[in-house]
Protein backbone atom coordinates (compact mmCIF):
# COMPACT_ATOMS: atom_id res chain seq x y z
CA UNK A 1 0.00 0.00 0.00
CA UNK A 2 1.19 3.48 -0.75
CA UNK A 3 2.87 5.16 2.26
CA UNK A 4 0.62 8.23 2.02
CA UNK A 5 -2.49 6.07 2.01
CA UNK A 6 -1.18 4.13 4.98
CA UNK A 7 -0.53 7.35 6.92
CA UNK A 8 -3.96 8.71 6.01
CA UNK A 9 -5.58 5.48 7.15
CA UNK A 10 -3.72 5.60 10.45
CA UNK A 11 -4.70 9.24 10.94
CA UNK A 12 -8.32 8.45 10.17
CA UNK A 13 -8.31 5.58 12.66
CA UNK A 14 -6.77 7.79 15.32
CA UNK A 15 -9.27 10.57 14.70
CA UNK A 16 -12.20 8.14 14.84
CA UNK A 17 -10.76 6.46 17.94
CA UNK A 18 -11.47 3.05 16.43
CA UNK A 19 -10.23 -0.18 18.00
CA UNK A 20 -8.91 -2.49 15.25
CA UNK A 21 -10.61 -5.48 16.87
CA UNK A 22 -14.13 -4.10 16.51
CA UNK A 23 -16.71 -4.44 13.78
CA UNK A 24 -16.58 -0.65 13.45
CA UNK A 25 -12.94 -0.90 12.28
CA UNK A 26 -13.80 -3.57 9.74
CA UNK A 27 -16.69 -1.50 8.40
CA UNK A 28 -14.40 1.54 8.12
CA UNK A 29 -11.84 -0.61 6.28
CA UNK A 30 -14.50 -1.83 3.85
CA UNK A 31 -15.65 1.74 3.20
CA UNK A 32 -12.08 2.86 2.50
CA UNK A 33 -11.50 -0.03 0.11
CA UNK A 34 -14.76 0.72 -1.70
CA UNK A 35 -13.72 4.35 -2.11
CA UNK A 36 -10.29 3.36 -3.46
CA UNK A 37 -11.93 0.98 -5.94
CA UNK A 38 -14.45 3.64 -6.98
CA UNK A 39 -11.73 6.21 -7.58
CA UNK A 40 -9.56 3.71 -9.41
CA UNK A 41 -12.46 2.68 -11.65
CA UNK A 42 -12.91 6.31 -12.64
CA UNK A 43 -9.52 6.33 -14.33
CA UNK A 44 -9.19 4.89 -17.77
CA UNK A 45 -6.62 2.20 -18.44
CA UNK A 46 -4.11 4.55 -20.07
CA UNK A 47 -4.15 6.83 -17.00
CA UNK A 48 -3.51 3.86 -14.71
CA UNK A 49 -0.67 2.57 -16.88
CA UNK A 50 1.07 5.95 -17.32
CA UNK A 51 3.23 5.68 -14.13
CA UNK A 52 4.47 2.26 -15.24
CA UNK A 53 5.21 3.51 -18.74
CA UNK A 54 7.12 6.45 -17.28
CA UNK A 55 9.26 4.09 -15.20
CA UNK A 56 10.03 1.96 -18.24
CA UNK A 57 10.98 5.08 -20.22
CA UNK A 58 13.39 6.14 -17.46
CA UNK A 59 15.10 2.74 -17.63
CA UNK A 60 16.27 3.51 -21.14
CA UNK A 61 16.49 1.40 -24.25
CA UNK A 62 16.45 -2.38 -23.98
CA UNK A 63 19.82 -4.12 -24.42
CA UNK A 64 19.38 -6.44 -27.43
CA UNK A 65 22.33 -8.57 -26.24
CA UNK A 66 20.94 -9.18 -22.74
CA UNK A 67 20.65 -12.90 -21.93
CA UNK A 68 18.04 -13.37 -19.22
CA UNK A 69 18.88 -17.06 -18.70
CA UNK A 70 22.55 -16.31 -18.03
CA UNK A 71 21.60 -13.45 -15.73
CA UNK A 72 19.28 -15.67 -13.71
CA UNK A 73 21.79 -18.55 -13.65
CA UNK A 74 24.46 -16.19 -12.28
CA UNK A 75 22.09 -15.19 -9.50
CA UNK A 76 21.85 -18.79 -8.31
CA UNK A 77 25.62 -19.22 -8.01
PDB file of N, CA and C in Angstrom:
ATOM      1  N   UNK A   1       0.852  -1.173   0.000  1.00  0.00           N
ATOM      2  CA  UNK A   1       0.000   0.000   0.000  1.00  0.00           C
ATOM      3  C   UNK A   1       0.897   1.235   0.000  1.00  0.00           C
ATOM      4  N   UNK A   2       0.476   2.221  -0.671  1.00  0.00           N
ATOM      5  CA  UNK A   2       1.193   3.482  -0.748  1.00  0.00           C
ATOM      6  C   UNK A   2       1.381   4.061   0.650  1.00  0.00           C
ATOM      7  N   UNK A   3       2.573   4.611   0.929  1.00  0.00           N
ATOM      8  CA  UNK A   3       2.867   5.158   2.261  1.00  0.00           C
ATOM      9  C   UNK A   3       1.899   6.275   2.660  1.00  0.00           C
ATOM     10  N   UNK A   4       1.552   7.138   1.713  1.00  0.00           N
ATOM     11  CA  UNK A   4       0.618   8.226   2.019  1.00  0.00           C
ATOM     12  C   UNK A   4      -0.752   7.681   2.414  1.00  0.00           C
ATOM     13  N   UNK A   5      -1.193   6.668   1.709  1.00  0.00           N
ATOM     14  CA  UNK A   5      -2.486   6.071   2.011  1.00  0.00           C
ATOM     15  C   UNK A   5      -2.442   5.417   3.386  1.00  0.00           C
ATOM     16  N   UNK A   6      -1.335   4.753   3.666  1.00  0.00           N
ATOM     17  CA  UNK A   6      -1.181   4.128   4.983  1.00  0.00           C
ATOM     18  C   UNK A   6      -1.241   5.174   6.094  1.00  0.00           C
ATOM     19  N   UNK A   7      -0.520   6.283   5.913  1.00  0.00           N
ATOM     20  CA  UNK A   7      -0.530   7.347   6.919  1.00  0.00           C
ATOM     21  C   UNK A   7      -1.920   7.954   7.074  1.00  0.00           C
ATOM     22  N   UNK A   8      -2.608   8.165   5.945  1.00  0.00           N
ATOM     23  CA  UNK A   8      -3.958   8.714   6.014  1.00  0.00           C
ATOM     24  C   UNK A   8      -4.901   7.750   6.730  1.00  0.00           C
ATOM     25  N   UNK A   9      -4.752   6.469   6.459  1.00  0.00           N
ATOM     26  CA  UNK A   9      -5.577   5.479   7.146  1.00  0.00           C
ATOM     27  C   UNK A   9      -5.323   5.480   8.639  1.00  0.00           C
ATOM     28  N   UNK A  10      -4.054   5.553   9.028  1.00  0.00           N
ATOM     29  CA  UNK A  10      -3.716   5.596  10.452  1.00  0.00           C
ATOM     30  C   UNK A  10      -4.277   6.855  11.116  1.00  0.00           C
ATOM     31  N   UNK A  11      -4.164   7.981  10.410  1.00  0.00           N
ATOM     32  CA  UNK A  11      -4.699   9.237  10.938  1.00  0.00           C
ATOM     33  C   UNK A  11      -6.214   9.154  11.095  1.00  0.00           C
ATOM     34  N   UNK A  12      -6.867   8.598  10.103  1.00  0.00           N
ATOM     35  CA  UNK A  12      -8.320   8.452  10.169  1.00  0.00           C
ATOM     36  C   UNK A  12      -8.721   7.570  11.339  1.00  0.00           C
ATOM     37  N   UNK A  13      -8.009   6.459  11.534  1.00  0.00           N
ATOM     38  CA  UNK A  13      -8.312   5.581  12.658  1.00  0.00           C
ATOM     39  C   UNK A  13      -8.116   6.294  13.992  1.00  0.00           C
ATOM     40  N   UNK A  14      -7.032   7.062  14.079  1.00  0.00           N
ATOM     41  CA  UNK A  14      -6.768   7.786  15.323  1.00  0.00           C
ATOM     42  C   UNK A  14      -7.849   8.838  15.578  1.00  0.00           C
ATOM     43  N   UNK A  15      -8.264   9.538  14.540  1.00  0.00           N
ATOM     44  CA  UNK A  15      -9.275  10.572  14.703  1.00  0.00           C
ATOM     45  C   UNK A  15     -10.638   9.980  15.069  1.00  0.00           C
ATOM     46  N   UNK A  16     -10.916   8.790  14.556  1.00  0.00           N
ATOM     47  CA  UNK A  16     -12.199   8.140  14.841  1.00  0.00           C
ATOM     48  C   UNK A  16     -12.155   7.359  16.144  1.00  0.00           C
ATOM     49  N   UNK A  17     -10.952   7.224  16.710  1.00  0.00           N
ATOM     50  CA  UNK A  17     -10.759   6.464  17.945  1.00  0.00           C
ATOM     51  C   UNK A  17     -11.369   5.071  17.803  1.00  0.00           C
ATOM     52  N   UNK A  18     -10.926   4.360  16.754  1.00  0.00           N
ATOM     53  CA  UNK A  18     -11.469   3.049  16.431  1.00  0.00           C
ATOM     54  C   UNK A  18     -10.498   1.966  16.871  1.00  0.00           C
ATOM     55  N   UNK A  19     -11.012   0.987  17.600  1.00  0.00           N
ATOM     56  CA  UNK A  19     -10.231  -0.183  18.001  1.00  0.00           C
ATOM     57  C   UNK A  19     -10.214  -1.153  16.815  1.00  0.00           C
ATOM     58  N   UNK A  20      -9.024  -1.632  16.432  1.00  0.00           N
ATOM     59  CA  UNK A  20      -8.906  -2.486  15.246  1.00  0.00           C
ATOM     60  C   UNK A  20      -9.549  -3.858  15.428  1.00  0.00           C
ATOM     61  N   UNK A  21      -9.966  -4.188  16.616  1.00  0.00           N
ATOM     62  CA  UNK A  21     -10.612  -5.479  16.867  1.00  0.00           C
ATOM     63  C   UNK A  21     -12.133  -5.410  16.744  1.00  0.00           C
ATOM     64  N   UNK A  22     -12.678  -4.237  16.518  1.00  0.00           N
ATOM     65  CA  UNK A  22     -14.131  -4.097  16.512  1.00  0.00           C
ATOM     66  C   UNK A  22     -14.705  -4.182  15.101  1.00  0.00           C
ATOM     67  N   UNK A  23     -16.006  -4.419  15.060  1.00  0.00           N
ATOM     68  CA  UNK A  23     -16.705  -4.444  13.777  1.00  0.00           C
ATOM     69  C   UNK A  23     -16.676  -3.065  13.138  1.00  0.00           C
ATOM     70  N   UNK A  24     -16.630  -2.017  13.959  1.00  0.00           N
ATOM     71  CA  UNK A  24     -16.580  -0.649  13.447  1.00  0.00           C
ATOM     72  C   UNK A  24     -15.323  -0.451  12.588  1.00  0.00           C
ATOM     73  N   UNK A  25     -14.195  -0.991  13.051  1.00  0.00           N
ATOM     74  CA  UNK A  25     -12.944  -0.904  12.283  1.00  0.00           C
ATOM     75  C   UNK A  25     -13.101  -1.612  10.944  1.00  0.00           C
ATOM     76  N   UNK A  26     -13.663  -2.795  10.980  1.00  0.00           N
ATOM     77  CA  UNK A  26     -13.803  -3.570   9.743  1.00  0.00           C
ATOM     78  C   UNK A  26     -14.741  -2.879   8.756  1.00  0.00           C
ATOM     79  N   UNK A  27     -15.785  -2.253   9.278  1.00  0.00           N
ATOM     80  CA  UNK A  27     -16.689  -1.501   8.405  1.00  0.00           C
ATOM     81  C   UNK A  27     -15.969  -0.288   7.806  1.00  0.00           C
ATOM     82  N   UNK A  28     -15.175   0.403   8.610  1.00  0.00           N
ATOM     83  CA  UNK A  28     -14.402   1.539   8.119  1.00  0.00           C
ATOM     84  C   UNK A  28     -13.416   1.087   7.037  1.00  0.00           C
ATOM     85  N   UNK A  29     -12.784  -0.053   7.257  1.00  0.00           N
ATOM     86  CA  UNK A  29     -11.840  -0.609   6.284  1.00  0.00           C
ATOM     87  C   UNK A  29     -12.558  -0.910   4.961  1.00  0.00           C
ATOM     88  N   UNK A  30     -13.730  -1.504   5.051  1.00  0.00           N
ATOM     89  CA  UNK A  30     -14.505  -1.831   3.849  1.00  0.00           C
ATOM     90  C   UNK A  30     -14.879  -0.547   3.108  1.00  0.00           C
ATOM     91  N   UNK A  31     -15.287   0.479   3.833  1.00  0.00           N
ATOM     92  CA  UNK A  31     -15.651   1.742   3.204  1.00  0.00           C
ATOM     93  C   UNK A  31     -14.451   2.368   2.486  1.00  0.00           C
ATOM     94  N   UNK A  32     -13.279   2.324   3.138  1.00  0.00           N
ATOM     95  CA  UNK A  32     -12.076   2.860   2.499  1.00  0.00           C
ATOM     96  C   UNK A  32     -11.738   2.089   1.226  1.00  0.00           C
ATOM     97  N   UNK A  33     -11.791   0.783   1.294  1.00  0.00           N
ATOM     98  CA  UNK A  33     -11.502  -0.029   0.111  1.00  0.00           C
ATOM     99  C   UNK A  33     -12.487   0.252  -1.012  1.00  0.00           C
ATOM    100  N   UNK A  34     -13.759   0.399  -0.668  1.00  0.00           N
ATOM    101  CA  UNK A  34     -14.760   0.717  -1.697  1.00  0.00           C
ATOM    102  C   UNK A  34     -14.458   2.058  -2.363  1.00  0.00           C
ATOM    103  N   UNK A  35     -14.041   3.031  -1.552  1.00  0.00           N
ATOM    104  CA  UNK A  35     -13.723   4.345  -2.112  1.00  0.00           C
ATOM    105  C   UNK A  35     -12.495   4.273  -3.019  1.00  0.00           C
ATOM    106  N   UNK A  36     -11.477   3.531  -2.607  1.00  0.00           N
ATOM    107  CA  UNK A  36     -10.292   3.364  -3.461  1.00  0.00           C
ATOM    108  C   UNK A  36     -10.677   2.711  -4.783  1.00  0.00           C
ATOM    109  N   UNK A  37     -11.500   1.676  -4.718  1.00  0.00           N
ATOM    110  CA  UNK A  37     -11.930   0.981  -5.937  1.00  0.00           C
ATOM    111  C   UNK A  37     -12.742   1.916  -6.818  1.00  0.00           C
ATOM    112  N   UNK A  38     -13.623   2.696  -6.203  1.00  0.00           N
ATOM    113  CA  UNK A  38     -14.452   3.638  -6.976  1.00  0.00           C
ATOM    114  C   UNK A  38     -13.584   4.666  -7.695  1.00  0.00           C
ATOM    115  N   UNK A  39     -12.610   5.212  -6.973  1.00  0.00           N
ATOM    116  CA  UNK A  39     -11.731   6.207  -7.580  1.00  0.00           C
ATOM    117  C   UNK A  39     -10.876   5.591  -8.676  1.00  0.00           C
ATOM    118  N   UNK A  40     -10.402   4.393  -8.427  1.00  0.00           N
ATOM    119  CA  UNK A  40      -9.563   3.706  -9.407  1.00  0.00           C
ATOM    120  C   UNK A  40     -10.353   3.397 -10.674  1.00  0.00           C
ATOM    121  N   UNK A  41     -11.616   3.013 -10.509  1.00  0.00           N
ATOM    122  CA  UNK A  41     -12.457   2.676 -11.654  1.00  0.00           C
ATOM    123  C   UNK A  41     -12.753   3.913 -12.498  1.00  0.00           C
ATOM    124  N   UNK A  42     -12.661   5.078 -11.897  1.00  0.00           N
ATOM    125  CA  UNK A  42     -12.907   6.313 -12.636  1.00  0.00           C
ATOM    126  C   UNK A  42     -11.793   6.677 -13.602  1.00  0.00           C
ATOM    127  N   UNK A  43     -10.637   6.069 -13.428  1.00  0.00           N
ATOM    128  CA  UNK A  43      -9.516   6.331 -14.328  1.00  0.00           C
ATOM    129  C   UNK A  43      -9.587   5.357 -15.493  1.00  0.00           C
ATOM    130  N   UNK A  44      -9.230   5.840 -16.671  1.00  0.00           N
ATOM    131  CA  UNK A  44      -9.187   4.893 -17.768  1.00  0.00           C
ATOM    132  C   UNK A  44      -7.871   4.127 -17.720  1.00  0.00           C
ATOM    133  N   UNK A  45      -7.770   3.082 -18.483  1.00  0.00           N
ATOM    134  CA  UNK A  45      -6.618   2.195 -18.438  1.00  0.00           C
ATOM    135  C   UNK A  45      -5.315   2.931 -18.745  1.00  0.00           C
ATOM    136  N   UNK A  46      -5.339   3.827 -19.708  1.00  0.00           N
ATOM    137  CA  UNK A  46      -4.113   4.550 -20.068  1.00  0.00           C
ATOM    138  C   UNK A  46      -3.617   5.421 -18.917  1.00  0.00           C
ATOM    139  N   UNK A  47      -4.541   6.031 -18.165  1.00  0.00           N
ATOM    140  CA  UNK A  47      -4.149   6.833 -17.004  1.00  0.00           C
ATOM    141  C   UNK A  47      -3.516   5.962 -15.932  1.00  0.00           C
ATOM    142  N   UNK A  48      -4.057   4.755 -15.731  1.00  0.00           N
ATOM    143  CA  UNK A  48      -3.514   3.861 -14.713  1.00  0.00           C
ATOM    144  C   UNK A  48      -2.151   3.304 -15.109  1.00  0.00           C
ATOM    145  N   UNK A  49      -1.932   3.139 -16.404  1.00  0.00           N
ATOM    146  CA  UNK A  49      -0.667   2.575 -16.875  1.00  0.00           C
ATOM    147  C   UNK A  49       0.437   3.617 -17.037  1.00  0.00           C
ATOM    148  N   UNK A  50       0.088   4.884 -17.081  1.00  0.00           N
ATOM    149  CA  UNK A  50       1.069   5.949 -17.317  1.00  0.00           C
ATOM    150  C   UNK A  50       2.248   5.900 -16.350  1.00  0.00           C
ATOM    151  N   UNK A  51       2.062   5.738 -15.026  1.00  0.00           N
ATOM    152  CA  UNK A  51       3.227   5.683 -14.130  1.00  0.00           C
ATOM    153  C   UNK A  51       4.177   4.521 -14.461  1.00  0.00           C
ATOM    154  N   UNK A  52       3.630   3.401 -14.864  1.00  0.00           N
ATOM    155  CA  UNK A  52       4.468   2.255 -15.235  1.00  0.00           C
ATOM    156  C   UNK A  52       5.226   2.563 -16.517  1.00  0.00           C
ATOM    157  N   UNK A  53       4.554   3.148 -17.485  1.00  0.00           N
ATOM    158  CA  UNK A  53       5.209   3.505 -18.739  1.00  0.00           C
ATOM    159  C   UNK A  53       6.325   4.526 -18.501  1.00  0.00           C
ATOM    160  N   UNK A  54       6.093   5.456 -17.605  1.00  0.00           N
ATOM    161  CA  UNK A  54       7.125   6.446 -17.276  1.00  0.00           C
ATOM    162  C   UNK A  54       8.354   5.785 -16.667  1.00  0.00           C
ATOM    163  N   UNK A  55       8.134   4.806 -15.796  1.00  0.00           N
ATOM    164  CA  UNK A  55       9.262   4.089 -15.196  1.00  0.00           C
ATOM    165  C   UNK A  55      10.045   3.334 -16.257  1.00  0.00           C
ATOM    166  N   UNK A  56       9.356   2.698 -17.160  1.00  0.00           N
ATOM    167  CA  UNK A  56      10.028   1.962 -18.239  1.00  0.00           C
ATOM    168  C   UNK A  56      10.824   2.923 -19.111  1.00  0.00           C
ATOM    169  N   UNK A  57      10.266   4.073 -19.413  1.00  0.00           N
ATOM    170  CA  UNK A  57      10.982   5.076 -20.218  1.00  0.00           C
ATOM    171  C   UNK A  57      12.256   5.529 -19.525  1.00  0.00           C
ATOM    172  N   UNK A  58      12.206   5.701 -18.201  1.00  0.00           N
ATOM    173  CA  UNK A  58      13.392   6.138 -17.462  1.00  0.00           C
ATOM    174  C   UNK A  58      14.485   5.070 -17.441  1.00  0.00           C
ATOM    175  N   UNK A  59      14.109   3.820 -17.623  1.00  0.00           N
ATOM    176  CA  UNK A  59      15.096   2.737 -17.628  1.00  0.00           C
ATOM    177  C   UNK A  59      15.966   2.771 -18.873  1.00  0.00           C
ATOM    178  N   UNK A  60      15.486   3.404 -19.911  1.00  0.00           N
ATOM    179  CA  UNK A  60      16.268   3.512 -21.137  1.00  0.00           C
ATOM    180  C   UNK A  60      15.949   2.381 -22.109  1.00  0.00           C
ATOM    181  N   UNK A  61      16.717   2.384 -23.190  1.00  0.00           N
ATOM    182  CA  UNK A  61      16.489   1.402 -24.246  1.00  0.00           C
ATOM    183  C   UNK A  61      16.867  -0.003 -23.774  1.00  0.00           C
ATOM    184  N   UNK A  62      16.187  -0.985 -24.306  1.00  0.00           N
ATOM    185  CA  UNK A  62      16.447  -2.385 -23.977  1.00  0.00           C
ATOM    186  C   UNK A  62      17.748  -2.827 -24.640  1.00  0.00           C
ATOM    187  N   UNK A  63      18.562  -3.583 -23.889  1.00  0.00           N
ATOM    188  CA  UNK A  63      19.818  -4.119 -24.420  1.00  0.00           C
ATOM    189  C   UNK A  63      19.506  -5.352 -25.264  1.00  0.00           C
ATOM    190  N   UNK A  64      19.726  -5.297 -26.574  1.00  0.00           N
ATOM    191  CA  UNK A  64      19.384  -6.443 -27.430  1.00  0.00           C
ATOM    192  C   UNK A  64      20.269  -7.667 -27.144  1.00  0.00           C
ATOM    193  N   UNK A  65      21.413  -7.468 -26.509  1.00  0.00           N
ATOM    194  CA  UNK A  65      22.332  -8.572 -26.237  1.00  0.00           C
ATOM    195  C   UNK A  65      22.138  -9.187 -24.849  1.00  0.00           C
ATOM    196  N   UNK A  66      21.162  -8.687 -24.097  1.00  0.00           N
ATOM    197  CA  UNK A  66      20.936  -9.178 -22.740  1.00  0.00           C
ATOM    198  C   UNK A  66      20.411 -10.611 -22.785  1.00  0.00           C
ATOM    199  N   UNK A  67      21.039 -11.502 -21.998  1.00  0.00           N
ATOM    200  CA  UNK A  67      20.646 -12.903 -21.926  1.00  0.00           C
ATOM    201  C   UNK A  67      20.040 -13.161 -20.547  1.00  0.00           C
ATOM    202  N   UNK A  68      18.740 -13.216 -20.495  1.00  0.00           N
ATOM    203  CA  UNK A  68      18.039 -13.369 -19.220  1.00  0.00           C
ATOM    204  C   UNK A  68      18.411 -14.677 -18.533  1.00  0.00           C
ATOM    205  N   UNK A  69      18.539 -15.774 -19.306  1.00  0.00           N
ATOM    206  CA  UNK A  69      18.876 -17.061 -18.696  1.00  0.00           C
ATOM    207  C   UNK A  69      20.227 -16.998 -18.001  1.00  0.00           C
ATOM    208  N   UNK A  70      21.224 -16.428 -18.650  1.00  0.00           N
ATOM    209  CA  UNK A  70      22.549 -16.309 -18.035  1.00  0.00           C
ATOM    210  C   UNK A  70      22.488 -15.428 -16.790  1.00  0.00           C
ATOM    211  N   UNK A  71      21.738 -14.350 -16.866  1.00  0.00           N
ATOM    212  CA  UNK A  71      21.596 -13.450 -15.734  1.00  0.00           C
ATOM    213  C   UNK A  71      20.991 -14.184 -14.546  1.00  0.00           C
ATOM    214  N   UNK A  72      19.923 -14.933 -14.789  1.00  0.00           N
ATOM    215  CA  UNK A  72      19.277 -15.666 -13.711  1.00  0.00           C
ATOM    216  C   UNK A  72      20.178 -16.792 -13.179  1.00  0.00           C
ATOM    217  N   UNK A  73      20.872 -17.476 -14.079  1.00  0.00           N
ATOM    218  CA  UNK A  73      21.786 -18.546 -13.655  1.00  0.00           C
ATOM    219  C   UNK A  73      22.882 -17.991 -12.753  1.00  0.00           C
ATOM    220  N   UNK A  74      23.422 -16.829 -13.096  1.00  0.00           N
ATOM    221  CA  UNK A  74      24.459 -16.194 -12.277  1.00  0.00           C
ATOM    222  C   UNK A  74      23.940 -15.851 -10.891  1.00  0.00           C
ATOM    223  N   UNK A  75      22.678 -15.522 -10.792  1.00  0.00           N
ATOM    224  CA  UNK A  75      22.093 -15.190  -9.504  1.00  0.00           C
ATOM    225  C   UNK A  75      21.971 -16.389  -8.575  1.00  0.00           C
ATOM    226  N   UNK A  76      21.963 -17.578  -9.127  1.00  0.00           N
ATOM    227  CA  UNK A  76      21.851 -18.789  -8.313  1.00  0.00           C
ATOM    228  C   UNK A  76      23.202 -19.268  -7.811  1.00  0.00           C
ATOM    229  N   UNK A  77      24.270 -18.760  -8.393  1.00  0.00           N
ATOM    230  CA  UNK A  77      25.616 -19.222  -8.011  1.00  0.00           C
ATOM    231  C   UNK A  77      26.152 -18.511  -6.809  1.00  0.00           C
TER     232      UNK A  77
END
